[in-house]
Amino acid sequence: MKPDLKPYETKMMKTLDVLAENLAGIRAGRANASVLNKISVDYYGTASPISQVASVSSPDPRTLTIQPWDASLLKAITKAIQTSDLGINPQNDGKVIRLTFPPLTEERRKELIKQVSKEGEASKVAIRNIRRDALDKWKAAKKKSEMTEDEQKDAEKDMQKLTDKYIKQIDSTTAAKSDELKSI
């Protein structure tokens, strides 16, 4: 009985997807609508992402405009952006909210690079936890004599290869984001 690695690989892929989503939310000096993904607005009693209650566009590389479909949401969106960790003060002209992204200072760049590496470490921990769960499951299966010792050792080797593959992908993803932040 060779253990199935697919469910663990699927979890590892999801971890990579979450990392990519989190890294997209780290602003890199350019206006990018994905920085608003984590900001929610109270819309008729429901917390809704800004992208679901307004159109978001980027008229130039340093500006985002947010035009709510319901004008009564202007104040709520402005307040949500101000209370978020985005670090940008929105300008509300009564119809549209403008977010102007200032160029990154060297200090802010270093902070963002630290944040990128923190996200990468959290993802690596998640990958290692998935590996640990698989190994624990296989040890229990061996104890119950559902699996031989050789099958367990082979499964552990395969799991380690899979873990190494995803850790390497995390490293390359975070390195690319850090390089992007350094080059702006």
Protein backbone atom coordinates (compact mmCIF):
# COMPACT_ATOMS: atom_id res chain seq x y z
CA MET A 1 0.00 0.00 0.00
CA LYS A 2 1.69 3.16 -1.22
CA PRO A 3 0.27 6.24 0.57
CA ASP A 4 -1.43 8.85 -1.57
CA LEU A 5 0.48 12.15 -1.54
CA LYS A 6 -2.13 14.03 -3.60
CA PRO A 7 -4.11 15.49 -0.65
CA TYR A 8 -0.91 16.80 0.90
CA GLU A 9 0.30 18.22 -2.39
CA THR A 10 -3.05 19.96 -2.80
CA LYS A 11 -2.67 21.54 0.64
CA MET A 12 0.85 22.66 -0.25
CA MET A 13 -0.40 24.22 -3.50
CA LYS A 14 -3.05 26.10 -1.52
CA THR A 15 -0.31 27.38 0.80
CA LEU A 16 1.55 28.71 -2.25
CA ASP A 17 -1.63 30.35 -3.52
CA VAL A 18 -2.17 32.06 -0.16
CA LEU A 19 1.43 33.27 -0.20
CA ALA A 20 1.02 34.70 -3.70
CA GLU A 21 -2.20 36.43 -2.63
CA ASN A 22 -0.53 37.89 0.48
CA LEU A 23 2.49 39.09 -1.51
CA ALA A 24 0.23 40.72 -4.09
CA GLY A 25 -1.27 42.76 -1.26
CA ILE A 26 2.12 44.22 -0.36
CA ARG A 27 2.27 47.46 -2.25
CA ALA A 28 5.40 48.01 -4.21
CA GLY A 29 5.21 51.72 -5.01
CA ARG A 30 2.91 51.16 -7.97
CA ALA A 31 -0.85 51.39 -7.82
CA ASN A 32 -2.23 47.85 -7.76
CA ALA A 33 -5.87 47.05 -7.06
CA SER A 34 -4.88 43.86 -5.20
CA VAL A 35 -3.79 45.97 -2.21
CA LEU A 36 -7.51 46.50 -1.54
CA ASN A 37 -8.36 42.78 -1.47
CA LYS A 38 -8.17 42.46 2.31
CA ILE A 39 -10.19 45.61 3.03
CA SER A 40 -13.89 45.05 3.66
CA VAL A 41 -16.74 47.53 3.90
CA ASP A 42 -20.03 47.13 5.77
CA TYR A 43 -22.61 46.94 2.98
CA TYR A 44 -26.16 46.51 4.30
CA GLY A 45 -24.93 44.54 7.29
CA THR A 46 -22.50 42.34 5.35
CA ALA A 47 -18.73 42.75 5.23
CA SER A 48 -17.97 42.98 1.51
CA PRO A 49 -14.63 43.45 -0.27
CA ILE A 50 -14.23 46.84 -1.94
CA SER A 51 -14.01 45.19 -5.37
CA GLN A 52 -17.58 43.89 -4.91
CA VAL A 53 -19.14 47.26 -4.07
CA ALA A 54 -17.17 49.59 -6.35
CA SER A 55 -15.19 49.74 -9.54
CA VAL A 56 -11.46 50.10 -9.00
CA SER A 57 -9.27 51.52 -11.76
CA SER A 58 -5.74 52.81 -12.16
CA PRO A 59 -5.61 55.96 -14.30
CA ASP A 60 -1.83 56.23 -13.88
CA PRO A 61 0.94 54.12 -12.27
CA ARG A 62 0.73 55.87 -8.89
CA THR A 63 -3.05 56.34 -8.50
CA LEU A 64 -6.05 54.14 -7.86
CA THR A 65 -9.60 55.42 -8.19
CA ILE A 66 -12.51 53.77 -6.41
CA GLN A 67 -16.00 54.58 -7.64
CA PRO A 68 -18.69 52.96 -5.48
CA TRP A 69 -21.87 51.81 -7.19
CA ASP A 70 -23.80 53.17 -4.21
CA ALA A 71 -22.74 56.74 -3.37
CA SER A 72 -23.69 56.21 0.29
CA LEU A 73 -20.66 53.92 0.61
CA LEU A 74 -18.09 56.69 0.00
CA LYS A 75 -17.62 57.45 3.70
CA ALA A 76 -17.52 53.76 4.70
CA ILE A 77 -14.89 52.96 2.05
CA THR A 78 -12.81 55.99 3.04
CA LYS A 79 -12.96 54.97 6.71
CA ALA A 80 -12.09 51.33 5.91
CA ILE A 81 -9.01 52.42 3.94
CA GLN A 82 -7.91 54.81 6.70
CA THR A 83 -8.19 52.12 9.39
CA SER A 84 -6.39 49.50 7.29
CA ASP A 85 -2.62 48.96 7.35
CA LEU A 86 -2.32 50.34 3.80
CA GLY A 87 -0.67 53.53 4.99
CA ILE A 88 -2.35 55.76 2.39
CA ASN A 89 -4.78 58.57 3.05
CA PRO A 90 -7.72 58.47 0.63
CA GLN A 91 -9.04 61.65 -1.00
CA ASN A 92 -12.82 61.71 -1.33
CA ASP A 93 -14.25 64.24 -3.81
CA GLY A 94 -17.90 63.25 -3.30
CA LYS A 95 -18.06 60.87 -6.27
CA VAL A 96 -14.71 59.07 -6.42
CA ILE A 97 -12.06 58.09 -3.89
CA ARG A 98 -8.47 58.58 -5.02
CA LEU A 99 -5.50 56.76 -3.54
CA THR A 100 -2.13 58.24 -4.46
CA PHE A 101 0.81 55.92 -3.83
CA PRO A 102 3.93 57.83 -2.84
CA PRO A 103 7.32 56.55 -3.99
CA LEU A 104 8.82 54.16 -1.47
CA THR A 105 11.43 55.44 0.95
CA GLU A 106 14.44 53.26 1.72
CA GLU A 107 13.11 52.63 5.24
CA ARG A 108 9.67 51.57 3.98
CA ARG A 109 11.30 49.35 1.36
CA LYS A 110 13.23 47.54 4.10
CA GLU A 111 10.03 47.13 6.15
CA LEU A 112 8.24 45.63 3.14
CA ILE A 113 11.14 43.25 2.43
CA LYS A 114 10.96 42.10 6.08
CA GLN A 115 7.23 41.59 5.66
CA VAL A 116 7.84 39.52 2.52
CA SER A 117 10.33 37.29 4.31
CA LYS A 118 7.90 36.94 7.26
CA GLU A 119 5.16 35.81 4.86
CA GLY A 120 7.60 33.35 3.28
CA GLU A 121 8.56 31.92 6.69
CA ALA A 122 4.89 31.52 7.65
CA SER A 123 4.31 29.61 4.41
CA LYS A 124 7.32 27.37 5.05
CA VAL A 125 5.99 26.59 8.52
CA ALA A 126 2.62 25.70 6.98
CA ILE A 127 4.33 23.36 4.49
CA ARG A 128 6.32 21.70 7.28
CA ASN A 129 3.13 21.27 9.32
CA ILE A 130 1.52 19.49 6.37
CA ARG A 131 4.57 17.20 6.19
CA ARG A 132 4.38 16.55 9.95
CA ASP A 133 0.68 15.65 9.71
CA ALA A 134 1.41 13.17 6.91
CA LEU A 135 4.31 11.58 8.82
CA ASP A 136 2.18 11.26 11.97
CA LYS A 137 -0.58 9.60 9.98
CA TRP A 138 1.86 7.11 8.46
CA LYS A 139 3.43 6.32 11.84
CA ALA A 140 -0.03 5.54 13.21
CA ALA A 141 -0.76 3.37 10.17
CA LYS A 142 2.48 1.46 10.74
CA LYS A 143 1.59 0.95 14.42
CA LYS A 144 -1.76 -0.51 13.38
CA SER A 145 0.11 -2.75 10.89
CA GLU A 146 -1.70 -1.13 7.97
CA MET A 147 1.67 -0.23 6.47
CA THR A 148 5.09 -1.89 6.44
CA GLU A 149 8.22 -0.15 7.66
CA ASP A 150 9.61 -0.02 4.10
CA GLU A 151 6.42 1.57 2.81
CA GLN A 152 6.60 4.12 5.61
CA LYS A 153 10.24 4.97 4.81
CA ASP A 154 9.46 5.31 1.08
CA ALA A 155 6.46 7.53 1.84
CA GLU A 156 8.59 9.70 4.14
CA LYS A 157 11.24 10.11 1.40
CA ASP A 158 8.58 11.05 -1.17
CA MET A 159 7.02 13.51 1.28
CA GLN A 160 10.42 15.09 1.96
CA LYS A 161 10.99 15.53 -1.79
CA LEU A 162 7.57 17.16 -2.10
CA THR A 163 8.29 19.41 0.89
CA ASP A 164 11.66 20.45 -0.54
CA LYS A 165 10.04 21.26 -3.89
CA TYR A 166 7.47 23.59 -2.32
CA ILE A 167 9.99 25.21 0.05
CA LYS A 168 12.13 25.99 -3.01
CA GLN A 169 9.10 27.55 -4.75
CA ILE A 170 8.39 29.68 -1.68
CA ASP A 171 12.02 30.84 -1.63
CA SER A 172 11.93 31.81 -5.31
CA THR A 173 8.57 33.61 -4.94
CA THR A 174 9.73 35.65 -1.95
CA ALA A 175 13.10 36.39 -3.59
CA ALA A 176 11.31 37.68 -6.70
CA LYS A 177 9.06 39.95 -4.60
CA SER A 178 12.05 41.22 -2.59
CA ASP A 179 13.95 41.98 -5.82
CA GLU A 180 10.88 43.81 -7.13
CA LEU A 181 10.79 45.94 -3.98
CA LYS A 182 14.53 46.68 -4.20
CA SER A 183 14.34 47.76 -7.83
CA ILE A 184 11.56 50.32 -7.48
